[in-house]
Protein backbone atom coordinates (compact mmCIF):
# COMPACT_ATOMS: atom_id res chain seq x y z
CA UNK A 1 -25.77 16.32 -80.89
CA UNK A 2 -29.37 16.25 -79.75
CA UNK A 3 -31.18 19.19 -79.87
CA UNK A 4 -32.11 20.32 -76.10
CA UNK A 5 -35.37 19.67 -74.88
CA UNK A 6 -37.73 23.40 -75.05
CA UNK A 7 -40.24 24.76 -72.46
CA UNK A 8 -42.32 27.20 -73.32
CA UNK A 9 -43.24 29.82 -70.24
CA UNK A 10 -46.48 31.76 -70.81
CA UNK A 11 -45.91 34.66 -68.30
CA UNK A 12 -42.63 37.02 -67.50
CA UNK A 13 -43.29 38.07 -64.03
CA UNK A 14 -41.09 36.61 -61.07
CA UNK A 15 -42.24 32.83 -61.62
CA UNK A 16 -42.24 32.73 -64.99
CA UNK A 17 -38.15 33.85 -64.65
CA UNK A 18 -37.10 31.92 -62.31
CA UNK A 19 -38.84 28.37 -63.84
CA UNK A 20 -36.93 30.09 -66.91
CA UNK A 21 -33.90 30.45 -65.20
CA UNK A 22 -33.69 27.49 -63.59
CA UNK A 23 -34.58 25.50 -66.68
CA UNK A 24 -31.54 27.14 -68.81
CA UNK A 25 -29.04 25.92 -66.40
CA UNK A 26 -30.82 22.69 -66.26
CA UNK A 27 -29.63 22.49 -69.86
CA UNK A 28 -33.00 23.32 -71.47
CA UNK A 29 -33.71 25.82 -74.90
CA UNK A 30 -36.40 28.09 -72.41
CA UNK A 31 -38.55 31.16 -73.78
CA UNK A 32 -40.79 33.22 -72.14
CA UNK A 33 -43.73 34.57 -73.81
CA UNK A 34 -45.25 37.37 -71.80
CA UNK A 35 -48.30 39.18 -72.72
CA UNK A 36 -47.78 42.78 -72.29
CA UNK A 37 -46.23 44.92 -73.92
CA UNK A 38 -44.42 47.46 -71.62
CA UNK A 39 -42.20 47.08 -68.85
CA UNK A 40 -43.79 44.92 -65.65
CA UNK A 41 -40.93 46.91 -63.35
CA UNK A 42 -43.81 49.49 -62.14
CA UNK A 43 -46.20 46.90 -61.41
CA UNK A 44 -46.66 46.02 -56.89
CA UNK A 45 -45.84 47.75 -54.44
CA UNK A 46 -44.73 46.25 -51.14
CA UNK A 47 -43.57 42.50 -51.16
CA UNK A 48 -42.62 39.75 -48.25
CA UNK A 49 -39.81 37.82 -49.04
CA UNK A 50 -38.05 34.58 -47.38
CA UNK A 51 -35.06 33.21 -47.32
CA UNK A 52 -36.19 30.87 -50.05
CA UNK A 53 -36.64 33.20 -52.20
CA UNK A 54 -33.51 34.70 -51.91
CA UNK A 55 -31.63 31.16 -52.26
CA UNK A 56 -33.55 30.68 -55.32
CA UNK A 57 -32.64 33.65 -57.04
CA UNK A 58 -28.93 33.53 -55.32
CA UNK A 59 -28.98 29.61 -57.53
CA UNK A 60 -29.88 31.63 -60.61
CA UNK A 61 -27.02 33.99 -60.16
CA UNK A 62 -28.33 37.10 -58.73
CA UNK A 63 -25.76 38.51 -56.04
CA UNK A 64 -28.03 39.04 -53.35
CA UNK A 65 -27.18 41.68 -49.85
CA UNK A 66 -28.82 43.49 -47.64
CA UNK A 67 -30.63 45.43 -50.02
CA UNK A 68 -33.08 43.14 -51.43
CA UNK A 69 -34.94 43.77 -48.25
CA UNK A 70 -35.12 46.08 -44.83
CA UNK A 71 -35.24 43.98 -41.92
CA UNK A 72 -37.34 44.35 -38.52
CA UNK A 73 -36.01 43.41 -35.51
CA UNK A 74 -39.86 43.22 -33.74
CA UNK A 75 -43.59 43.19 -34.33
CA UNK A 76 -46.29 44.82 -32.25
CA UNK A 77 -50.13 46.26 -32.01
CA UNK A 78 -50.57 49.48 -32.20
CA UNK A 79 -53.60 50.65 -30.28
CA UNK A 80 -56.12 53.44 -31.30
CA UNK A 81 -54.01 55.31 -30.12
CA UNK A 82 -51.71 54.66 -31.84
CA UNK A 83 -49.16 53.16 -28.55
CA UNK A 84 -47.87 49.57 -28.33
CA UNK A 85 -50.11 47.76 -26.70
CA UNK A 86 -47.77 43.80 -27.59
CA UNK A 87 -44.60 43.29 -28.38
CA UNK A 88 -42.88 40.43 -29.73
CA UNK A 89 -39.50 39.78 -31.21
CA UNK A 90 -40.55 38.29 -34.26
CA UNK A 91 -38.22 39.71 -37.64
CA UNK A 92 -40.05 40.45 -40.44
CA UNK A 93 -38.42 41.49 -44.21
CA UNK A 94 -39.43 44.35 -46.42
CA UNK A 95 -39.17 44.78 -49.60
CA UNK A 96 -40.70 45.63 -53.17
CA UNK A 97 -41.28 43.79 -55.82
CA UNK A 98 -39.60 45.67 -58.26
CA UNK A 99 -36.40 44.99 -56.07
CA UNK A 100 -37.19 41.29 -56.73
CA UNK A 101 -38.26 41.76 -60.38
CA UNK A 102 -35.66 43.89 -61.76
CA UNK A 103 -32.79 42.07 -61.11
CA UNK A 104 -34.09 38.76 -62.09
CA UNK A 105 -35.26 40.34 -65.40
CA UNK A 106 -32.36 42.16 -66.68
CA UNK A 107 -30.26 38.74 -66.47
CA UNK A 108 -32.68 36.71 -68.72
CA UNK A 109 -31.52 36.97 -72.58
CA UNK A 110 -33.54 39.56 -73.94
CA UNK A 111 -33.91 37.36 -77.32
CA UNK A 112 -35.86 35.11 -75.13
CA UNK A 113 -37.86 37.39 -73.63
CA UNK A 114 -40.76 38.09 -75.69
CA UNK A 115 -43.13 40.60 -74.34
CA UNK A 116 -46.91 41.54 -76.48
CA UNK A 117 -47.65 38.13 -76.44
CA UNK A 118 -51.56 37.70 -75.90
CA UNK A 119 -52.08 33.57 -75.65
CA UNK A 120 -54.96 32.22 -77.07
CA UNK A 121 -54.91 28.07 -76.90
CA UNK A 122 -53.12 25.90 -76.15
CA UNK A 123 -52.94 22.24 -78.10
CA UNK A 124 -51.46 18.86 -77.66
CA UNK A 125 -50.02 15.44 -78.83
CA UNK A 126 -48.74 12.59 -77.17
CA UNK A 127 -45.39 13.89 -76.57
CA UNK A 128 -45.54 17.87 -77.24
CA UNK A 129 -47.77 20.64 -76.55
CA UNK A 130 -48.38 23.77 -79.24
CA UNK A 131 -49.14 27.41 -78.22
CA UNK A 132 -51.23 29.71 -80.65
CA UNK A 133 -51.25 33.15 -80.46
CA UNK A 134 -53.27 35.73 -80.79
CA UNK A 135 -51.35 36.97 -83.62
CA UNK A 136 -51.63 33.95 -85.18
CA UNK A 137 -48.19 32.66 -84.82
CA UNK A 138 -47.57 28.43 -82.90
CA UNK A 139 -44.43 27.90 -81.36
CA UNK A 140 -43.97 24.22 -80.79
CA UNK A 141 -42.18 22.65 -77.30
CA UNK A 142 -41.89 19.27 -75.00
CA UNK A 143 -43.35 21.17 -71.51
CA UNK A 144 -45.39 23.94 -71.26
CA UNK A 145 -45.21 26.00 -68.11
CA UNK A 146 -48.13 28.50 -67.13
CA UNK A 147 -47.12 31.38 -65.12
CA UNK A 148 -49.69 33.48 -66.28
CA UNK A 149 -51.25 34.52 -63.37
CA UNK A 150 -54.20 35.23 -61.14
CA UNK A 151 -56.74 35.27 -64.96
CA UNK A 152 -54.56 32.51 -66.23
CA UNK A 153 -55.90 32.02 -70.04
CA UNK A 154 -53.97 28.79 -69.77
CA UNK A 155 -55.83 27.28 -66.88
CA UNK A 156 -59.38 29.24 -68.02
CA UNK A 157 -58.68 26.31 -70.94
CA UNK A 158 -58.15 23.71 -69.34
CA UNK A 159 -60.48 24.12 -65.93
CA UNK A 160 -63.29 26.95 -66.92
CA UNK A 161 -64.96 26.43 -63.18
CA UNK A 162 -61.61 27.75 -61.43
CA UNK A 163 -61.57 31.45 -60.16
CA UNK A 164 -60.71 33.22 -57.70
CA UNK A 165 -63.34 33.12 -54.52
CA UNK A 166 -64.01 37.16 -53.39
CA UNK A 167 -63.41 36.86 -49.59
CA UNK A 168 -65.51 39.98 -48.80
CA UNK A 169 -62.98 42.06 -48.45
CA UNK A 170 -60.62 45.07 -50.37
CA UNK A 171 -57.15 46.26 -49.45
CA UNK A 172 -55.83 49.08 -49.57
CA UNK A 173 -52.26 49.53 -50.27
CA UNK A 174 -49.92 52.53 -50.32
CA UNK A 175 -45.73 53.73 -50.44
CA UNK A 176 -44.55 56.98 -49.12
CA UNK A 177 -41.05 57.90 -48.87
CA UNK A 178 -39.55 57.78 -45.37
CA UNK A 179 -38.62 61.59 -45.43
CA UNK A 180 -42.54 62.51 -46.12
CA UNK A 181 -43.86 60.49 -43.38
CA UNK A 182 -45.17 62.29 -40.14
CA UNK A 183 -42.39 63.07 -37.57
CA UNK A 184 -44.35 60.72 -35.14
CA UNK A 185 -44.38 58.22 -37.88
CA UNK A 186 -40.45 58.41 -38.18
CA UNK A 187 -39.85 57.99 -34.11
CA UNK A 188 -42.29 55.14 -33.38
CA UNK A 189 -42.88 52.85 -36.55
CA UNK A 190 -40.12 52.30 -38.64
CA UNK A 191 -37.96 49.33 -36.76
CA UNK A 192 -41.39 47.66 -36.70
CA UNK A 193 -43.38 45.31 -38.52
CA UNK A 194 -47.04 47.04 -36.86
CA UNK A 195 -50.33 45.84 -36.61
CA UNK A 196 -53.80 47.80 -36.15
CA UNK A 197 -56.71 46.36 -35.62
CA UNK A 198 -59.78 48.63 -35.82
CA UNK A 199 -63.07 46.78 -35.58
CA UNK A 200 -63.48 44.80 -37.63
CA UNK A 201 -60.55 45.03 -39.67
CA UNK A 202 -56.82 45.12 -40.08
CA UNK A 203 -53.79 47.46 -40.76
CA UNK A 204 -49.96 45.79 -41.80
CA UNK A 205 -47.88 48.52 -41.84
CA UNK A 206 -43.37 48.37 -42.33
CA UNK A 207 -40.30 49.69 -43.45
CA UNK A 208 -38.99 48.79 -47.00
CA UNK A 209 -36.15 50.16 -49.36
CA UNK A 210 -36.39 53.15 -50.89
CA UNK A 211 -35.33 54.21 -54.49
CA UNK A 212 -32.42 51.91 -55.84
CA UNK A 213 -32.93 49.26 -52.85
CA UNK A 214 -31.92 51.70 -50.41
CA UNK A 215 -32.14 51.23 -46.94
CA UNK A 216 -30.07 53.70 -45.11
CA UNK A 217 -32.40 55.61 -42.63
CA UNK A 218 -33.91 58.61 -44.47
CA UNK A 219 -33.61 57.06 -47.84
CA UNK A 220 -36.35 54.02 -46.68
CA UNK A 221 -40.31 53.74 -47.97
CA UNK A 222 -43.06 52.66 -45.35
CA UNK A 223 -45.88 50.42 -46.71
CA UNK A 224 -49.26 49.90 -45.73
CA UNK A 225 -52.15 47.87 -46.31
CA UNK A 226 -55.22 48.55 -45.08
CA UNK A 227 -58.11 45.42 -45.11
CA UNK A 228 -61.67 46.36 -44.94
CA UNK A 229 -64.83 43.99 -45.30
CA UNK A 230 -66.76 45.38 -48.59
CA UNK A 231 -70.01 44.20 -49.80
CA UNK A 232 -70.23 42.61 -53.65
CA UNK A 233 -71.82 45.87 -54.79
CA UNK A 234 -69.78 48.38 -53.11
CA UNK A 235 -66.62 46.57 -54.34
CA UNK A 236 -68.39 46.16 -57.68
CA UNK A 237 -68.60 50.23 -57.77
CA UNK A 238 -64.89 50.33 -56.32
CA UNK A 239 -63.39 48.82 -58.95
CA UNK A 240 -65.30 50.54 -61.86
CA UNK A 241 -63.72 53.79 -63.89
CA UNK A 242 -65.78 56.67 -64.10
CA UNK A 243 -66.14 56.23 -67.92
CA UNK A 244 -68.62 52.84 -66.38
CA UNK A 245 -65.68 50.28 -67.24
CA UNK A 246 -66.14 48.14 -64.35
CA UNK A 247 -61.80 46.49 -64.17
CA UNK A 248 -62.75 43.02 -62.13
CA UNK A 249 -60.61 42.40 -59.33
CA UNK A 250 -57.77 45.75 -59.45
CA UNK A 251 -58.31 48.73 -61.53
CA UNK A 252 -55.35 50.82 -62.34
CA UNK A 253 -54.70 53.25 -59.77
CA UNK A 254 -55.24 56.38 -62.20
CA UNK A 255 -58.92 54.99 -62.59
CA UNK A 256 -60.24 54.82 -59.23
CA UNK A 257 -62.75 57.09 -58.94
CA UNK A 258 -61.75 60.41 -56.59
CA UNK A 259 -64.73 59.60 -54.14
CA UNK A 260 -63.39 56.45 -53.06
CA UNK A 261 -60.05 57.74 -52.13
CA UNK A 262 -61.64 60.57 -50.16
CA UNK A 263 -64.02 58.48 -48.51
CA UNK A 264 -60.68 56.07 -47.37
CA UNK A 265 -58.86 58.97 -46.05
CA UNK A 266 -61.85 60.28 -44.15
CA UNK A 267 -62.30 56.89 -42.54
CA UNK A 268 -58.42 56.39 -41.84
CA UNK A 269 -59.09 59.44 -39.35
CA UNK A 270 -61.81 57.37 -37.93
CA UNK A 271 -60.73 54.46 -38.03
CA UNK A 272 -57.15 54.37 -37.33
CA UNK A 273 -54.47 55.74 -34.86
CA UNK A 274 -53.69 59.36 -35.36
CA UNK A 275 -49.84 58.04 -36.71
CA UNK A 276 -51.19 56.17 -38.74
CA UNK A 277 -54.22 58.42 -40.32
CA UNK A 278 -51.79 60.86 -40.93
CA UNK A 279 -49.23 57.95 -42.89
CA UNK A 280 -52.41 57.22 -45.41
CA UNK A 281 -53.48 61.24 -45.66
CA UNK A 282 -50.06 61.61 -47.14
CA UNK A 283 -49.90 59.01 -49.84
CA UNK A 284 -49.71 60.38 -52.97
CA UNK A 285 -51.14 57.18 -54.92
CA UNK A 286 -52.81 54.08 -53.26
CA UNK A 287 -53.66 51.39 -54.66
CA UNK A 288 -56.72 49.19 -54.70
CA UNK A 289 -57.16 45.16 -54.54
CA UNK A 290 -59.84 42.84 -54.00
CA UNK A 291 -58.56 39.95 -51.69
CA UNK A 292 -59.54 36.40 -53.14
CA UNK A 293 -58.54 32.92 -52.87
CA UNK A 294 -57.92 30.29 -54.95
CA UNK A 295 -56.72 26.35 -55.35
CA UNK A 296 -56.59 24.63 -58.45
CA UNK A 297 -57.34 20.98 -58.46
CA UNK A 298 -54.97 19.98 -60.38
CA UNK A 299 -51.68 21.56 -61.59
CA UNK A 300 -50.79 19.64 -64.75
CA UNK A 301 -52.64 18.40 -67.84
CA UNK A 302 -50.16 16.36 -70.13
CA UNK A 303 -47.44 17.99 -70.67
CA UNK A 304 -49.02 21.61 -69.15
CA UNK A 305 -47.43 22.60 -65.55
CA UNK A 306 -49.31 25.42 -63.46
CA UNK A 307 -47.16 27.25 -61.70
CA UNK A 308 -47.29 29.88 -59.20
CA UNK A 309 -50.78 32.43 -58.91
CA UNK A 310 -51.82 30.55 -62.13
CA UNK A 311 -52.01 27.13 -59.80
CA UNK A 312 -53.15 28.63 -55.99
CA UNK A 313 -53.67 32.22 -54.78
CA UNK A 314 -53.42 32.86 -51.04
CA UNK A 315 -54.77 35.63 -49.89
CA UNK A 316 -51.79 38.18 -48.85
CA UNK A 317 -51.79 37.44 -44.92
CA UNK A 318 -49.08 34.94 -45.68
CA UNK A 319 -46.85 37.33 -47.34
CA UNK A 320 -45.33 34.15 -49.46
CA UNK A 321 -47.19 34.68 -52.96
CA UNK A 322 -43.79 35.42 -54.84
CA UNK A 323 -41.62 33.33 -52.65
CA UNK A 324 -44.28 30.47 -53.40
CA UNK A 325 -43.35 31.09 -57.34
CA UNK A 326 -40.15 30.59 -56.87
CA UNK A 327 -40.50 27.54 -54.68
CA UNK A 328 -42.81 25.91 -57.58
CA UNK A 329 -40.23 26.43 -60.52
CA UNK A 330 -37.77 24.98 -58.33
CA UNK A 331 -39.64 21.94 -57.34
CA UNK A 332 -40.62 21.57 -61.39
CA UNK A 333 -36.72 21.93 -62.20
CA UNK A 334 -35.96 19.47 -59.59
CA UNK A 335 -38.20 17.20 -60.51
CA UNK A 336 -37.16 16.95 -64.03
CA UNK A 337 -33.58 16.62 -63.48
CA UNK A 338 -34.34 12.92 -61.70
CA UNK A 339 -35.88 12.10 -64.86
CA UNK A 340 -35.46 11.54 -68.30
CA UNK A 341 -39.56 10.53 -68.41
CA UNK A 342 -40.98 14.53 -68.41
CA UNK A 343 -44.31 12.74 -67.14
CA UNK A 344 -43.26 10.88 -64.52
CA UNK A 345 -41.35 14.37 -63.30
CA UNK A 346 -44.73 16.54 -63.89
CA UNK A 347 -46.46 13.81 -61.98
CA UNK A 348 -44.23 14.33 -58.96
CA UNK A 349 -44.12 18.44 -59.35
CA UNK A 350 -48.10 17.93 -58.76
CA UNK A 351 -48.05 16.16 -55.64
CA UNK A 352 -45.23 18.22 -54.07
CA UNK A 353 -46.50 21.47 -54.68
CA UNK A 354 -50.45 21.10 -54.77
CA UNK A 355 -49.62 19.89 -50.64
CA UNK A 356 -48.11 23.30 -50.39
CA UNK A 357 -49.94 25.43 -52.61
CA UNK A 358 -52.65 23.79 -49.82
CA UNK A 359 -51.24 24.52 -46.59
CA UNK A 360 -50.76 28.10 -47.10
CA UNK A 361 -53.83 28.61 -48.87
CA UNK A 362 -55.73 26.88 -45.72
CA UNK A 363 -53.12 29.35 -43.12
CA UNK A 364 -54.17 32.82 -44.87
CA UNK A 365 -58.18 31.67 -44.88
CA UNK A 366 -57.33 31.17 -40.76
CA UNK A 367 -55.78 34.89 -40.93
CA UNK A 368 -58.41 36.23 -43.11
CA UNK A 369 -61.38 34.23 -41.25
CA UNK A 370 -62.38 37.71 -39.12
CA UNK A 371 -62.19 40.32 -41.77
CA UNK A 372 -64.52 37.71 -44.24
CA UNK A 373 -67.15 36.89 -40.90
CA UNK A 374 -67.68 40.87 -40.96
CA UNK A 375 -70.27 40.09 -43.95
CA UNK A 376 -72.24 37.59 -41.38
CA UNK A 377 -74.69 37.77 -39.18
CA UNK A 378 -73.43 36.86 -36.17
CA UNK A 379 -75.44 34.12 -35.73
CA UNK A 380 -73.67 32.14 -38.75
CA UNK A 381 -69.81 33.26 -38.05
CA UNK A 382 -67.85 30.74 -36.41
CA UNK A 383 -64.64 30.26 -34.70
CA UNK A 384 -61.81 32.55 -36.13
CA UNK A 385 -64.48 34.26 -37.90
CA UNK A 386 -66.11 35.49 -34.60
CA UNK A 387 -63.64 36.65 -32.57
CA UNK A 388 -60.00 37.93 -32.94
CA UNK A 389 -57.11 37.68 -30.90
CA UNK A 390 -54.63 40.11 -31.73
CA UNK A 391 -51.76 39.02 -30.49
CA UNK A 392 -52.19 35.46 -31.31
CA UNK A 393 -52.84 36.79 -35.04
CA UNK A 394 -49.15 38.46 -34.90
CA UNK A 395 -47.63 35.09 -33.08
CA UNK A 396 -49.27 33.55 -36.32
CA UNK A 397 -49.09 36.18 -39.22
CA UNK A 398 -47.09 35.66 -42.26
CA UNK A 399 -46.13 32.17 -43.95
CA UNK A 400 -46.41 28.51 -42.51
CA UNK A 401 -43.05 27.53 -40.84
CA UNK A 402 -42.14 26.03 -44.38
CA UNK A 403 -40.90 29.19 -44.97
CA UNK A 404 -37.90 30.74 -42.94
CA UNK A 405 -36.51 34.09 -41.97
CA UNK A 406 -33.60 35.51 -43.99
CA UNK A 407 -29.38 35.33 -42.86
CA UNK A 408 -27.71 37.98 -45.16
CA UNK A 409 -24.40 36.07 -43.97
CA UNK A 410 -25.14 33.28 -46.31
CA UNK A 411 -25.15 35.15 -49.68
CA UNK A 412 -21.70 37.40 -48.46
CA UNK A 413 -19.51 34.18 -48.47
């Protein structure tokens, strides 16, 4: 009996886990190599999810139930007073990163998930690929999948000039327990996906499951993401800690300088409706990230395939990064199942997933155009950079219609 084909998955986040699970189901020997030595469960905050993401998890064997998301039934525009200026019956599904990651990680064999493995280089022959790690170890396989995220070591080797492109604005994120919300917020916000449009800025906020995926009233959490135009010099300062170390496009929350958090909370009082400002004031530890996007012109290099954020990074407005990573994994494994020729399968994967990724990037740029345009002189702005229609933006927000709303009854039968 011949040995199963082997795949190396670089990166053990959601995309890498989905690929590894599906490959193992298809008869491959798949091993994950994750650079972090610790648990990834505490990373991330609020998360938008889709039917396609949960269907992928269901296919892997994860039991799906209604605790995976809190489903809002309407999307609204909150004006500066906190009143509803626009209201449409458009569903949203608020979740959290750990809710998706943890069951995928728990279901994967521990002896095939190797932590503290820092990839340094990839080598290839005609039909084999070798991963070389910082500890000097080498691993050979038939296929290497780069699921190592925005700052992919693999992508950088093959395309050193392809990197995230700053969009000209940052995002403050925060999570608060429902019980800690102001009474006005509890009364008006928890059933909606709420949009707010301060001059030149945007806030999106919604309820997500609480501790242990709890979606019961009183036990949920409330999440916001606040987009603010910020020039390159200010961004550099915001992502530099008190010791002078610059952290790039994000910064560990404990290292954020207090003066920037204080400025953000003061701006909330000036720029946001009272109910949202109150929520921002109460968030114990905000998160900060620079908004970027990126599209790789090529996804396949011999026996190496880019997947998830290593290939395309869309702005958060489409709420689809995790769904895209899962669908990349599905597309790759289905292409490999169609033929014994790995090279042919990889060409199909590249063709199909590039089309999806480009559509996602384009839509996210449209949704963020007005924010990006704020740093340009008004005479240089055009189209969506110049004006925005909040009502239309709410209608268009989220992923293009390739992703679908969740019908939990599908997973209960």
